[in-house]
């Protein structure tokens, strides 16, 4: 059965993202350094982020709200307006940061578009994800763009049926085992993990190395050859 459709993650698969969040984390820790130790600040922020995902979803805006909420909790509401302003500024900087595509991504996408229908499947804030795609200059490579609130097996079944010939004839590529790999495999698709050096703790999961439809690749440039091999 030939593969007709390729789903591609955006953040940390096509361009840098987690690196920018880590820098903003560091800025937050510096602003609140008088309130708690770094480990305690990071732990509380992670707890608040996880708690807020169902309300705010994924992305820089929800992260900024979680930073403010964490600061209010740690200081029992006594955080200064100046610190709140600095946190908001950090969030705006995160939203406005220039997009930097990963090395070799554009050439890999150009090669893939010659044989497959490409669909960008990303989660996060709708406006910000649209802005990042536009700024990246990679949008013309994609036949469709799906910005979703969560990536689960039902999402992949729906997207690959809507924009392709079903999950059985599709492959998903991305850097997150939890979001890009496991649910795509559950839906019946192939899945290729392309690791990024930094991984958000919420996206961590065990790699399904023994699954017959799974592979771990070094870069997106390795994807075309792997796809040819699994169809041979």
N, C-alpha and C. Protein backbone atom coordinates (compact mmCIF):
# COMPACT_ATOMS: atom_id res chain seq x y z
N UNK A 1 0.85 -1.20 0.00
CA UNK A 1 0.00 0.00 0.00
C UNK A 1 0.89 1.26 0.00
N UNK A 2 0.83 2.09 -1.02
CA UNK A 2 1.75 3.24 -1.11
C UNK A 2 1.41 4.34 -0.12
N UNK A 3 2.44 5.03 0.34
CA UNK A 3 2.25 6.20 1.19
C UNK A 3 1.98 7.40 0.28
N UNK A 4 0.88 8.08 0.54
CA UNK A 4 0.50 9.22 -0.30
C UNK A 4 0.64 10.56 0.42
N UNK A 5 0.57 10.53 1.75
CA UNK A 5 0.47 11.77 2.52
C UNK A 5 1.46 11.77 3.67
N UNK A 6 2.13 12.91 3.86
CA UNK A 6 3.08 13.07 4.96
C UNK A 6 2.61 14.18 5.88
N UNK A 7 2.45 13.85 7.15
CA UNK A 7 2.16 14.86 8.16
C UNK A 7 3.46 15.31 8.79
N UNK A 8 3.59 16.60 8.99
CA UNK A 8 4.82 17.14 9.58
C UNK A 8 4.48 18.05 10.75
N UNK A 9 5.16 17.83 11.85
CA UNK A 9 5.07 18.72 13.00
C UNK A 9 5.79 20.03 12.65
N UNK A 10 5.52 21.07 13.42
CA UNK A 10 6.14 22.37 13.14
C UNK A 10 7.25 22.70 14.15
N UNK A 11 6.86 22.99 15.40
CA UNK A 11 7.82 23.42 16.41
C UNK A 11 8.86 22.34 16.70
N UNK A 12 10.13 22.70 16.58
CA UNK A 12 11.27 21.83 16.85
C UNK A 12 11.41 20.68 15.85
N UNK A 13 10.60 20.73 14.79
CA UNK A 13 10.77 19.82 13.66
C UNK A 13 11.16 20.62 12.42
N UNK A 14 10.47 21.74 12.21
CA UNK A 14 10.79 22.63 11.09
C UNK A 14 11.61 23.83 11.53
N UNK A 15 11.34 24.30 12.75
CA UNK A 15 12.06 25.48 13.26
C UNK A 15 12.28 25.36 14.76
N UNK A 16 13.19 26.20 15.28
CA UNK A 16 13.51 26.19 16.70
C UNK A 16 12.33 26.73 17.51
N UNK A 17 12.03 26.07 18.62
CA UNK A 17 10.96 26.53 19.50
C UNK A 17 11.32 26.33 20.97
N UNK A 18 11.64 25.09 21.36
CA UNK A 18 11.92 24.82 22.77
C UNK A 18 13.11 25.63 23.27
N UNK A 19 14.08 25.88 22.42
CA UNK A 19 15.22 26.71 22.82
C UNK A 19 14.76 28.08 23.27
N UNK A 20 13.79 28.65 22.56
CA UNK A 20 13.28 29.97 22.92
C UNK A 20 12.51 29.93 24.22
N UNK A 21 11.74 28.86 24.43
CA UNK A 21 11.03 28.71 25.70
C UNK A 21 12.00 28.56 26.86
N UNK A 22 13.09 27.84 26.65
CA UNK A 22 14.08 27.67 27.72
C UNK A 22 14.71 29.01 28.09
N UNK A 23 14.96 29.85 27.10
CA UNK A 23 15.52 31.17 27.38
C UNK A 23 14.53 32.03 28.17
N UNK A 24 13.25 31.89 27.85
CA UNK A 24 12.22 32.63 28.58
C UNK A 24 12.08 32.09 29.99
N UNK A 25 12.19 30.77 30.16
CA UNK A 25 12.22 30.16 31.49
C UNK A 25 13.34 30.80 32.32
N UNK A 26 14.52 30.90 31.73
CA UNK A 26 15.66 31.46 32.43
C UNK A 26 15.39 32.90 32.85
N UNK A 27 14.79 33.66 31.97
CA UNK A 27 14.44 35.06 32.28
C UNK A 27 13.45 35.12 33.44
N UNK A 28 12.48 34.22 33.44
CA UNK A 28 11.50 34.17 34.53
C UNK A 28 12.19 33.85 35.85
N UNK A 29 13.08 32.88 35.86
CA UNK A 29 13.80 32.49 37.07
C UNK A 29 14.60 33.66 37.61
N UNK A 30 15.24 34.41 36.74
CA UNK A 30 16.02 35.56 37.16
C UNK A 30 15.13 36.63 37.80
N UNK A 31 13.94 36.83 37.24
CA UNK A 31 13.02 37.83 37.78
C UNK A 31 12.51 37.46 39.16
N UNK A 32 12.37 36.15 39.43
CA UNK A 32 11.81 35.68 40.69
C UNK A 32 12.88 35.09 41.62
N UNK A 33 14.13 35.38 41.33
CA UNK A 33 15.23 34.76 42.09
C UNK A 33 15.20 35.11 43.57
N UNK A 34 14.58 36.22 43.95
CA UNK A 34 14.50 36.59 45.37
C UNK A 34 13.41 35.82 46.11
N UNK A 35 12.55 35.13 45.35
CA UNK A 35 11.40 34.46 45.96
C UNK A 35 11.66 32.98 46.26
N UNK A 36 12.48 32.34 45.44
CA UNK A 36 12.72 30.90 45.61
C UNK A 36 13.95 30.49 44.81
N UNK A 37 14.46 29.28 45.11
CA UNK A 37 15.58 28.73 44.36
C UNK A 37 15.12 28.33 42.95
N UNK A 38 16.08 28.23 42.03
CA UNK A 38 15.76 27.93 40.65
C UNK A 38 14.96 26.64 40.51
N UNK A 39 15.37 25.58 41.20
CA UNK A 39 14.68 24.30 41.09
C UNK A 39 13.22 24.42 41.53
N UNK A 40 12.99 25.16 42.61
CA UNK A 40 11.63 25.34 43.12
C UNK A 40 10.79 26.16 42.15
N UNK A 41 11.39 27.17 41.56
CA UNK A 41 10.68 28.00 40.58
C UNK A 41 10.29 27.18 39.35
N UNK A 42 11.24 26.40 38.85
CA UNK A 42 10.97 25.58 37.67
C UNK A 42 9.90 24.53 37.96
N UNK A 43 9.98 23.93 39.14
CA UNK A 43 9.01 22.91 39.50
C UNK A 43 7.60 23.49 39.60
N UNK A 44 7.48 24.65 40.26
CA UNK A 44 6.16 25.26 40.40
C UNK A 44 5.61 25.71 39.04
N UNK A 45 6.46 26.28 38.20
CA UNK A 45 6.02 26.71 36.88
C UNK A 45 5.54 25.52 36.06
N UNK A 46 6.27 24.41 36.11
CA UNK A 46 5.85 23.21 35.37
C UNK A 46 4.51 22.70 35.88
N UNK A 47 4.32 22.76 37.17
CA UNK A 47 3.05 22.33 37.77
C UNK A 47 1.89 23.20 37.30
N UNK A 48 2.11 24.51 37.29
CA UNK A 48 1.07 25.44 36.87
C UNK A 48 0.78 25.28 35.37
N UNK A 49 1.83 25.13 34.56
CA UNK A 49 1.64 24.91 33.13
C UNK A 49 0.78 23.68 32.86
N UNK A 50 1.11 22.59 33.51
CA UNK A 50 0.36 21.35 33.31
C UNK A 50 -1.09 21.52 33.72
N UNK A 51 -1.31 22.21 34.83
CA UNK A 51 -2.67 22.44 35.32
C UNK A 51 -3.48 23.30 34.35
N UNK A 52 -2.80 24.20 33.67
CA UNK A 52 -3.49 25.16 32.80
C UNK A 52 -3.66 24.71 31.36
N UNK A 53 -3.05 23.60 30.97
CA UNK A 53 -3.12 23.17 29.58
C UNK A 53 -4.56 23.00 29.10
N UNK A 54 -5.41 22.46 29.94
CA UNK A 54 -6.80 22.22 29.52
C UNK A 54 -7.58 23.53 29.36
N UNK A 55 -7.06 24.62 29.97
CA UNK A 55 -7.73 25.92 29.85
C UNK A 55 -7.11 26.79 28.78
N UNK A 56 -5.80 26.86 28.76
CA UNK A 56 -5.10 27.77 27.85
C UNK A 56 -4.59 27.08 26.59
N UNK A 57 -4.46 25.75 26.63
CA UNK A 57 -3.88 25.05 25.50
C UNK A 57 -2.37 25.25 25.46
N UNK A 58 -1.79 24.96 24.29
CA UNK A 58 -0.33 25.04 24.12
C UNK A 58 0.06 26.37 23.48
N UNK A 59 1.24 26.86 23.80
CA UNK A 59 1.73 28.06 23.14
C UNK A 59 2.23 29.13 24.08
N UNK A 60 2.78 30.18 23.48
CA UNK A 60 3.44 31.24 24.24
C UNK A 60 2.46 32.05 25.10
N UNK A 61 1.24 32.25 24.63
CA UNK A 61 0.29 33.03 25.41
C UNK A 61 -0.10 32.32 26.70
N UNK A 62 -0.42 31.04 26.59
CA UNK A 62 -0.74 30.28 27.78
C UNK A 62 0.45 30.18 28.72
N UNK A 63 1.64 30.07 28.16
CA UNK A 63 2.86 30.01 28.97
C UNK A 63 3.05 31.31 29.74
N UNK A 64 2.79 32.43 29.07
CA UNK A 64 2.93 33.73 29.74
C UNK A 64 1.94 33.85 30.90
N UNK A 65 0.70 33.43 30.69
CA UNK A 65 -0.28 33.46 31.77
C UNK A 65 0.16 32.56 32.92
N UNK A 66 0.75 31.42 32.61
CA UNK A 66 1.21 30.51 33.65
C UNK A 66 2.39 31.11 34.42
N UNK A 67 3.26 31.85 33.76
CA UNK A 67 4.35 32.53 34.46
C UNK A 67 3.80 33.55 35.44
N UNK A 68 2.81 34.33 35.01
CA UNK A 68 2.21 35.33 35.89
C UNK A 68 1.53 34.66 37.08
N UNK A 69 0.78 33.60 36.81
CA UNK A 69 0.09 32.88 37.88
C UNK A 69 1.08 32.29 38.87
N UNK A 70 2.18 31.75 38.38
CA UNK A 70 3.21 31.20 39.25
C UNK A 70 3.82 32.29 40.14
N UNK A 71 4.09 33.44 39.55
CA UNK A 71 4.65 34.55 40.32
C UNK A 71 3.68 35.00 41.42
N UNK A 72 2.40 35.04 41.10
CA UNK A 72 1.39 35.44 42.09
C UNK A 72 1.31 34.41 43.22
N UNK A 73 1.38 33.13 42.88
CA UNK A 73 1.29 32.09 43.90
C UNK A 73 2.51 32.10 44.81
N UNK A 74 3.69 32.22 44.21
CA UNK A 74 4.92 32.16 45.00
C UNK A 74 5.07 33.35 45.95
N UNK A 75 4.51 34.49 45.55
CA UNK A 75 4.65 35.70 46.38
C UNK A 75 3.37 35.98 47.18
N UNK A 76 2.42 35.04 47.10
CA UNK A 76 1.12 35.22 47.77
C UNK A 76 0.46 36.53 47.37
N UNK A 77 0.56 36.81 46.07
CA UNK A 77 -0.09 38.00 45.52
C UNK A 77 0.69 39.29 45.70
N UNK A 78 1.91 39.22 46.19
CA UNK A 78 2.67 40.42 46.48
C UNK A 78 3.70 40.76 45.40
N UNK A 79 3.69 40.04 44.30
CA UNK A 79 4.64 40.32 43.23
C UNK A 79 4.42 41.75 42.73
N UNK A 80 5.51 42.44 42.43
CA UNK A 80 5.42 43.84 42.03
C UNK A 80 4.86 43.99 40.62
N UNK A 81 4.26 45.13 40.36
CA UNK A 81 3.75 45.41 39.02
C UNK A 81 4.90 45.47 38.02
N UNK A 82 6.05 45.87 38.47
CA UNK A 82 7.22 45.90 37.58
C UNK A 82 7.60 44.49 37.13
N UNK A 83 7.56 43.53 38.06
CA UNK A 83 7.88 42.16 37.71
C UNK A 83 6.84 41.59 36.75
N UNK A 84 5.57 41.88 36.99
CA UNK A 84 4.51 41.44 36.09
C UNK A 84 4.74 42.02 34.69
N UNK A 85 5.13 43.29 34.65
CA UNK A 85 5.41 43.93 33.35
C UNK A 85 6.57 43.25 32.64
N UNK A 86 7.58 42.85 33.41
CA UNK A 86 8.74 42.17 32.83
C UNK A 86 8.35 40.79 32.30
N UNK A 87 7.47 40.10 33.00
CA UNK A 87 7.00 38.79 32.54
C UNK A 87 6.20 38.95 31.25
N UNK A 88 5.35 39.95 31.20
CA UNK A 88 4.59 40.22 29.98
C UNK A 88 5.53 40.54 28.81
N UNK A 89 6.58 41.31 29.10
CA UNK A 89 7.55 41.65 28.05
C UNK A 89 8.25 40.40 27.55
N UNK A 90 8.56 39.48 28.47
CA UNK A 90 9.20 38.22 28.07
C UNK A 90 8.27 37.41 27.17
N UNK A 91 6.98 37.42 27.50
CA UNK A 91 6.01 36.71 26.67
C UNK A 91 5.88 37.33 25.30
N UNK A 92 5.88 38.66 25.24
CA UNK A 92 5.80 39.34 23.93
C UNK A 92 7.03 39.05 23.09
N UNK A 93 8.19 39.04 23.73
CA UNK A 93 9.43 38.73 23.00
C UNK A 93 9.38 37.31 22.43
N UNK A 94 8.82 36.40 23.20
CA UNK A 94 8.69 35.03 22.73
C UNK A 94 7.78 34.95 21.50
N UNK A 95 6.68 35.70 21.55
CA UNK A 95 5.74 35.72 20.43
C UNK A 95 6.33 36.36 19.19
N UNK A 96 7.20 37.35 19.39
CA UNK A 96 7.72 38.14 18.27
C UNK A 96 9.07 37.64 17.76
N UNK A 97 9.61 36.60 18.37
CA UNK A 97 10.95 36.16 18.00
C UNK A 97 10.98 35.68 16.55
N UNK A 98 12.00 36.07 15.78
CA UNK A 98 12.10 35.64 14.37
C UNK A 98 12.16 34.12 14.25
N UNK A 99 11.55 33.58 13.21
CA UNK A 99 11.58 32.15 12.97
C UNK A 99 12.92 31.75 12.34
N UNK A 100 13.48 30.67 12.83
CA UNK A 100 14.74 30.17 12.29
C UNK A 100 14.56 28.71 11.89
N UNK A 101 14.28 28.43 10.61
CA UNK A 101 14.14 27.04 10.18
C UNK A 101 15.39 26.22 10.50
N UNK A 102 15.21 24.98 10.84
CA UNK A 102 16.33 24.10 11.12
C UNK A 102 17.12 23.83 9.83
N UNK A 103 18.37 23.53 9.98
CA UNK A 103 19.25 23.30 8.83
C UNK A 103 18.74 22.15 7.96
N UNK A 104 18.68 22.38 6.67
CA UNK A 104 18.30 21.35 5.71
C UNK A 104 16.81 21.13 5.54
N UNK A 105 15.99 21.84 6.32
CA UNK A 105 14.54 21.61 6.29
C UNK A 105 13.94 21.97 4.94
N UNK A 106 14.32 23.12 4.39
CA UNK A 106 13.70 23.56 3.14
C UNK A 106 14.01 22.59 2.00
N UNK A 107 15.24 22.12 1.93
CA UNK A 107 15.60 21.17 0.88
C UNK A 107 14.85 19.85 1.05
N UNK A 108 14.69 19.42 2.30
CA UNK A 108 13.97 18.17 2.56
C UNK A 108 12.50 18.30 2.16
N UNK A 109 11.88 19.44 2.47
CA UNK A 109 10.48 19.65 2.10
C UNK A 109 10.33 19.68 0.58
N UNK A 110 11.27 20.33 -0.09
CA UNK A 110 11.21 20.39 -1.56
C UNK A 110 11.28 19.00 -2.16
N UNK A 111 12.11 18.12 -1.59
CA UNK A 111 12.22 16.75 -2.09
C UNK A 111 10.94 15.96 -1.81
N UNK A 112 10.36 16.17 -0.65
CA UNK A 112 9.15 15.43 -0.28
C UNK A 112 7.95 15.82 -1.14
N UNK A 113 7.86 17.11 -1.47
CA UNK A 113 6.69 17.58 -2.24
C UNK A 113 6.67 17.01 -3.66
N UNK A 114 7.79 16.50 -4.13
CA UNK A 114 7.82 15.91 -5.46
C UNK A 114 7.06 14.59 -5.52
N UNK A 115 6.89 13.93 -4.35
CA UNK A 115 6.27 12.60 -4.35
C UNK A 115 5.03 12.49 -3.45
N UNK A 116 4.90 13.40 -2.49
CA UNK A 116 3.84 13.24 -1.50
C UNK A 116 3.05 14.52 -1.29
N UNK A 117 1.88 14.36 -0.73
CA UNK A 117 1.06 15.47 -0.28
C UNK A 117 1.51 15.79 1.14
N UNK A 118 1.92 17.02 1.40
CA UNK A 118 2.41 17.40 2.73
C UNK A 118 1.33 18.16 3.50
N UNK A 119 1.14 17.77 4.75
CA UNK A 119 0.18 18.43 5.63
C UNK A 119 0.90 18.83 6.91
N UNK A 120 0.85 20.09 7.25
CA UNK A 120 1.43 20.56 8.50
C UNK A 120 0.41 20.31 9.60
N UNK A 121 0.81 19.58 10.64
CA UNK A 121 -0.08 19.26 11.75
C UNK A 121 0.60 19.74 13.03
N UNK A 122 0.09 20.82 13.59
CA UNK A 122 0.73 21.42 14.75
C UNK A 122 -0.31 21.82 15.77
N UNK A 123 0.09 21.85 17.03
CA UNK A 123 -0.83 22.30 18.06
C UNK A 123 -0.30 23.59 18.67
N UNK A 124 -1.20 24.38 19.23
CA UNK A 124 -0.79 25.65 19.80
C UNK A 124 -1.79 26.74 19.48
N UNK A 125 -1.40 27.96 19.78
CA UNK A 125 -2.25 29.11 19.53
C UNK A 125 -2.39 29.33 18.02
N UNK A 126 -3.64 29.44 17.56
CA UNK A 126 -3.91 29.54 16.12
C UNK A 126 -3.15 30.70 15.48
N UNK A 127 -3.31 31.90 16.01
CA UNK A 127 -2.68 33.08 15.42
C UNK A 127 -1.17 32.97 15.41
N UNK A 128 -0.59 32.55 16.54
CA UNK A 128 0.86 32.49 16.63
C UNK A 128 1.43 31.43 15.68
N UNK A 129 0.78 30.27 15.59
CA UNK A 129 1.26 29.24 14.67
C UNK A 129 1.16 29.70 13.22
N UNK A 130 0.09 30.40 12.89
CA UNK A 130 -0.04 30.94 11.53
C UNK A 130 1.07 31.96 11.26
N UNK A 131 1.36 32.80 12.25
CA UNK A 131 2.42 33.81 12.09
C UNK A 131 3.78 33.15 11.90
N UNK A 132 4.05 32.10 12.68
CA UNK A 132 5.33 31.42 12.57
C UNK A 132 5.49 30.75 11.21
N UNK A 133 4.44 30.14 10.72
CA UNK A 133 4.51 29.51 9.40
C UNK A 133 4.76 30.54 8.32
N UNK A 134 4.05 31.67 8.40
CA UNK A 134 4.25 32.73 7.40
C UNK A 134 5.67 33.27 7.46
N UNK A 135 6.17 33.47 8.67
CA UNK A 135 7.52 34.02 8.83
C UNK A 135 8.61 33.04 8.40
N UNK A 136 8.31 31.75 8.47
CA UNK A 136 9.32 30.74 8.12
C UNK A 136 9.59 30.68 6.63
N UNK A 137 8.60 31.09 5.82
CA UNK A 137 8.74 31.00 4.37
C UNK A 137 8.56 29.59 3.84
N UNK A 138 8.04 28.66 4.68
CA UNK A 138 7.91 27.27 4.28
C UNK A 138 6.49 26.89 3.85
N UNK A 139 5.57 27.83 3.95
CA UNK A 139 4.16 27.52 3.74
C UNK A 139 3.82 26.95 2.39
N UNK A 140 4.53 27.35 1.34
CA UNK A 140 4.20 26.90 -0.02
C UNK A 140 4.42 25.40 -0.22
N UNK A 141 5.13 24.77 0.67
CA UNK A 141 5.40 23.34 0.53
C UNK A 141 4.21 22.48 0.95
N UNK A 142 3.24 23.09 1.64
CA UNK A 142 2.16 22.30 2.24
C UNK A 142 0.85 22.42 1.47
N UNK A 143 0.20 21.28 1.29
CA UNK A 143 -1.12 21.27 0.66
C UNK A 143 -2.21 21.69 1.64
N UNK A 144 -1.95 21.47 2.92
CA UNK A 144 -2.93 21.82 3.94
C UNK A 144 -2.22 22.08 5.26
N UNK A 145 -2.88 22.86 6.11
CA UNK A 145 -2.36 23.17 7.45
C UNK A 145 -3.45 22.89 8.46
N UNK A 146 -3.15 22.09 9.46
CA UNK A 146 -4.09 21.78 10.54
C UNK A 146 -3.47 22.22 11.87
N UNK A 147 -4.05 23.23 12.50
CA UNK A 147 -3.62 23.69 13.81
C UNK A 147 -4.66 23.17 14.81
N UNK A 148 -4.25 22.23 15.64
CA UNK A 148 -5.19 21.50 16.48
C UNK A 148 -4.92 21.77 17.96
N UNK A 149 -5.93 21.51 18.78
CA UNK A 149 -5.78 21.72 20.22
C UNK A 149 -5.03 20.57 20.88
N UNK A 150 -5.11 19.38 20.30
CA UNK A 150 -4.40 18.21 20.82
C UNK A 150 -4.15 17.24 19.69
N UNK A 151 -3.07 16.49 19.82
CA UNK A 151 -2.75 15.46 18.84
C UNK A 151 -3.01 14.09 19.45
N UNK A 152 -4.08 13.45 19.02
CA UNK A 152 -4.37 12.10 19.45
C UNK A 152 -4.70 11.26 18.22
N UNK A 153 -4.99 9.98 18.44
CA UNK A 153 -5.23 9.09 17.31
C UNK A 153 -6.40 9.56 16.46
N UNK A 154 -7.46 10.05 17.09
CA UNK A 154 -8.63 10.54 16.34
C UNK A 154 -8.26 11.74 15.46
N UNK A 155 -7.37 12.59 15.97
CA UNK A 155 -6.91 13.74 15.18
C UNK A 155 -6.23 13.27 13.91
N UNK A 156 -5.33 12.30 14.03
CA UNK A 156 -4.60 11.82 12.86
C UNK A 156 -5.53 11.09 11.88
N UNK A 157 -6.46 10.32 12.41
CA UNK A 157 -7.41 9.65 11.51
C UNK A 157 -8.19 10.70 10.71
N UNK A 158 -8.66 11.73 11.40
CA UNK A 158 -9.46 12.77 10.74
C UNK A 158 -8.63 13.53 9.71
N UNK A 159 -7.44 13.96 10.09
CA UNK A 159 -6.61 14.77 9.20
C UNK A 159 -6.15 13.98 7.98
N UNK A 160 -5.71 12.75 8.19
CA UNK A 160 -5.21 11.96 7.06
C UNK A 160 -6.34 11.46 6.15
N UNK A 161 -7.55 11.41 6.66
CA UNK A 161 -8.70 11.08 5.82
C UNK A 161 -9.16 12.30 5.04
N UNK A 162 -9.15 13.45 5.72
CA UNK A 162 -9.59 14.70 5.08
C UNK A 162 -8.64 15.14 3.98
N UNK A 163 -7.34 15.01 4.22
CA UNK A 163 -6.35 15.56 3.28
C UNK A 163 -5.57 14.49 2.53
N UNK A 164 -5.90 13.23 2.72
CA UNK A 164 -5.17 12.17 2.05
C UNK A 164 -6.04 10.98 1.74
N UNK A 165 -5.45 9.81 1.84
CA UNK A 165 -6.19 8.58 1.54
C UNK A 165 -6.29 7.69 2.77
N UNK A 166 -6.28 8.32 3.94
CA UNK A 166 -6.42 7.59 5.19
C UNK A 166 -5.09 7.39 5.88
N UNK A 167 -5.11 7.10 7.20
CA UNK A 167 -3.87 6.95 7.96
C UNK A 167 -3.00 5.78 7.53
N UNK A 168 -3.61 4.73 7.00
CA UNK A 168 -2.81 3.57 6.58
C UNK A 168 -1.86 3.90 5.44
N UNK A 169 -2.16 4.96 4.68
CA UNK A 169 -1.30 5.38 3.57
C UNK A 169 -0.65 6.74 3.89
N UNK A 170 -0.37 6.96 5.17
CA UNK A 170 0.21 8.22 5.60
C UNK A 170 1.36 7.97 6.57
N UNK A 171 2.21 8.98 6.72
CA UNK A 171 3.30 8.94 7.68
C UNK A 171 3.37 10.28 8.40
N UNK A 172 3.68 10.23 9.68
CA UNK A 172 3.84 11.44 10.48
C UNK A 172 5.29 11.56 10.91
N UNK A 173 5.84 12.77 10.83
CA UNK A 173 7.22 13.01 11.25
C UNK A 173 7.25 14.16 12.22
N UNK A 174 7.96 13.98 13.33
CA UNK A 174 8.06 15.06 14.31
C UNK A 174 9.02 14.71 15.42
N UNK A 175 9.19 15.62 16.35
CA UNK A 175 10.18 15.46 17.41
C UNK A 175 9.60 14.94 18.73
N UNK A 176 8.28 14.85 18.84
CA UNK A 176 7.66 14.46 20.09
C UNK A 176 7.12 13.03 20.02
N UNK A 177 7.64 12.17 20.88
CA UNK A 177 7.12 10.80 20.94
C UNK A 177 5.66 10.82 21.37
N UNK A 178 5.35 11.63 22.36
CA UNK A 178 4.00 11.66 22.91
C UNK A 178 2.97 12.17 21.91
N UNK A 179 3.31 13.21 21.16
CA UNK A 179 2.33 13.87 20.29
C UNK A 179 2.41 13.48 18.82
N UNK A 180 3.61 13.22 18.33
CA UNK A 180 3.80 12.97 16.90
C UNK A 180 3.90 11.49 16.54
N UNK A 181 4.34 10.68 17.49
CA UNK A 181 4.64 9.28 17.18
C UNK A 181 3.56 8.31 17.67
N UNK A 182 3.36 8.25 18.96
CA UNK A 182 2.45 7.24 19.53
C UNK A 182 1.02 7.34 18.99
N UNK A 183 0.41 8.54 18.96
CA UNK A 183 -0.96 8.60 18.44
C UNK A 183 -1.06 8.35 16.94
N UNK A 184 -0.03 8.71 16.19
CA UNK A 184 -0.04 8.43 14.75
C UNK A 184 0.02 6.93 14.49
N UNK A 185 0.87 6.23 15.25
CA UNK A 185 0.94 4.78 15.13
C UNK A 185 -0.39 4.14 15.53
N UNK A 186 -0.98 4.65 16.59
CA UNK A 186 -2.28 4.12 17.04
C UNK A 186 -3.34 4.29 15.95
N UNK A 187 -3.24 5.38 15.21
CA UNK A 187 -4.21 5.64 14.14
C UNK A 187 -3.98 4.74 12.93
N UNK A 188 -2.81 4.08 12.87
CA UNK A 188 -2.52 3.19 11.75
C UNK A 188 -1.52 3.73 10.76
N UNK A 189 -0.94 4.90 11.05
CA UNK A 189 0.02 5.51 10.13
C UNK A 189 1.44 5.04 10.43
N UNK A 190 2.36 5.36 9.54
CA UNK A 190 3.78 5.23 9.83
C UNK A 190 4.20 6.46 10.65
N UNK A 191 5.33 6.36 11.34
CA UNK A 191 5.77 7.50 12.15
C UNK A 191 7.29 7.53 12.24
N UNK A 192 7.86 8.71 12.04
CA UNK A 192 9.31 8.89 12.10
C UNK A 192 9.65 9.95 13.15
N UNK A 193 10.42 9.56 14.13
CA UNK A 193 10.87 10.48 15.16
C UNK A 193 12.14 11.18 14.69
N UNK A 194 12.12 12.52 14.74
CA UNK A 194 13.29 13.31 14.39
C UNK A 194 13.63 14.13 15.62
N UNK A 195 14.51 13.62 16.48
CA UNK A 195 14.74 14.25 17.79
C UNK A 195 15.28 15.66 17.69
N UNK A 196 14.87 16.47 18.65
CA UNK A 196 15.43 17.81 18.85
C UNK A 196 16.22 17.74 20.16
N UNK A 197 17.33 18.47 20.27
CA UNK A 197 18.18 18.34 21.47
C UNK A 197 17.46 18.61 22.79
N UNK A 198 16.44 19.47 22.77
CA UNK A 198 15.70 19.79 23.98
C UNK A 198 14.27 19.26 23.85
N UNK A 199 13.77 18.67 24.93
CA UNK A 199 12.41 18.12 24.92
C UNK A 199 11.66 18.64 26.14
N UNK A 200 10.50 19.24 25.91
CA UNK A 200 9.64 19.67 27.00
C UNK A 200 9.19 18.43 27.77
N UNK A 201 9.26 18.49 29.10
CA UNK A 201 8.95 17.33 29.93
C UNK A 201 7.57 16.76 29.63
N UNK A 202 6.62 17.62 29.29
CA UNK A 202 5.25 17.17 29.03
C UNK A 202 5.17 16.30 27.79
N UNK A 203 6.16 16.40 26.90
CA UNK A 203 6.15 15.63 25.65
C UNK A 203 6.95 14.34 25.73
N UNK A 204 7.56 14.08 26.88
CA UNK A 204 8.40 12.89 27.02
C UNK A 204 7.55 11.62 27.08
N UNK A 205 8.03 10.56 26.44
CA UNK A 205 7.37 9.26 26.46
C UNK A 205 8.36 8.21 25.98
N UNK A 206 8.06 6.96 26.23
CA UNK A 206 8.95 5.88 25.82
C UNK A 206 8.88 5.67 24.31
N UNK A 207 10.02 5.55 23.67
CA UNK A 207 10.08 5.36 22.22
C UNK A 207 9.69 3.94 21.83
N UNK A 208 8.78 3.79 20.86
CA UNK A 208 8.31 2.45 20.47
C UNK A 208 9.23 1.78 19.46
N UNK A 209 10.44 1.47 19.89
CA UNK A 209 11.47 1.02 18.94
C UNK A 209 11.12 -0.26 18.19
N UNK A 210 10.28 -1.10 18.77
CA UNK A 210 9.97 -2.39 18.14
C UNK A 210 8.76 -2.32 17.21
N UNK A 211 8.15 -1.16 17.08
CA UNK A 211 6.97 -1.07 16.22
C UNK A 211 7.39 -1.13 14.75
N UNK A 212 6.73 -1.97 13.95
CA UNK A 212 7.15 -2.14 12.55
C UNK A 212 6.96 -0.91 11.67
N UNK A 213 6.14 0.04 12.10
CA UNK A 213 5.90 1.24 11.30
C UNK A 213 6.66 2.46 11.84
N UNK A 214 7.59 2.22 12.75
CA UNK A 214 8.31 3.33 13.39
C UNK A 214 9.79 3.32 13.03
N UNK A 215 10.35 4.54 12.95
CA UNK A 215 11.80 4.69 12.80
C UNK A 215 12.24 5.98 13.47
N UNK A 216 13.47 5.97 13.94
CA UNK A 216 14.08 7.20 14.45
C UNK A 216 15.16 7.63 13.47
N UNK A 217 15.05 8.88 13.00
CA UNK A 217 15.96 9.42 12.00
C UNK A 217 16.80 10.54 12.62
N UNK A 218 17.91 10.83 11.99
CA UNK A 218 18.77 11.89 12.52
C UNK A 218 18.23 13.27 12.15
N UNK A 219 17.80 13.44 10.91
CA UNK A 219 17.31 14.73 10.45
C UNK A 219 16.14 14.52 9.49
N UNK A 220 15.44 15.61 9.18
CA UNK A 220 14.34 15.54 8.23
C UNK A 220 14.84 15.13 6.84
N UNK A 221 16.10 15.41 6.56
CA UNK A 221 16.68 15.04 5.26
C UNK A 221 16.71 13.53 5.06
N UNK A 222 16.64 12.75 6.15
CA UNK A 222 16.65 11.29 6.05
C UNK A 222 15.26 10.72 5.77
N UNK A 223 14.22 11.55 5.85
CA UNK A 223 12.86 11.05 5.71
C UNK A 223 12.55 10.49 4.31
N UNK A 224 12.91 11.16 3.22
CA UNK A 224 12.58 10.60 1.89
C UNK A 224 13.12 9.20 1.68
N UNK A 225 14.36 8.95 2.07
CA UNK A 225 14.95 7.63 1.87
C UNK A 225 14.24 6.58 2.71
N UNK A 226 13.88 6.93 3.96
CA UNK A 226 13.16 5.97 4.80
C UNK A 226 11.81 5.63 4.22
N UNK A 227 11.11 6.63 3.70
CA UNK A 227 9.80 6.39 3.10
C UNK A 227 9.91 5.46 1.89
N UNK A 228 10.92 5.65 1.09
CA UNK A 228 11.13 4.76 -0.06
C UNK A 228 11.40 3.33 0.41
N UNK A 229 12.16 3.20 1.48
CA UNK A 229 12.54 1.88 1.98
C UNK A 229 11.33 1.12 2.52
N UNK A 230 10.45 1.80 3.27
CA UNK A 230 9.31 1.09 3.87
C UNK A 230 8.27 0.71 2.81
N UNK A 231 8.35 1.34 1.65
CA UNK A 231 7.42 1.00 0.57
C UNK A 231 8.01 0.02 -0.44
N UNK A 232 9.29 -0.31 -0.26
CA UNK A 232 9.97 -1.19 -1.21
C UNK A 232 9.43 -2.63 -1.13
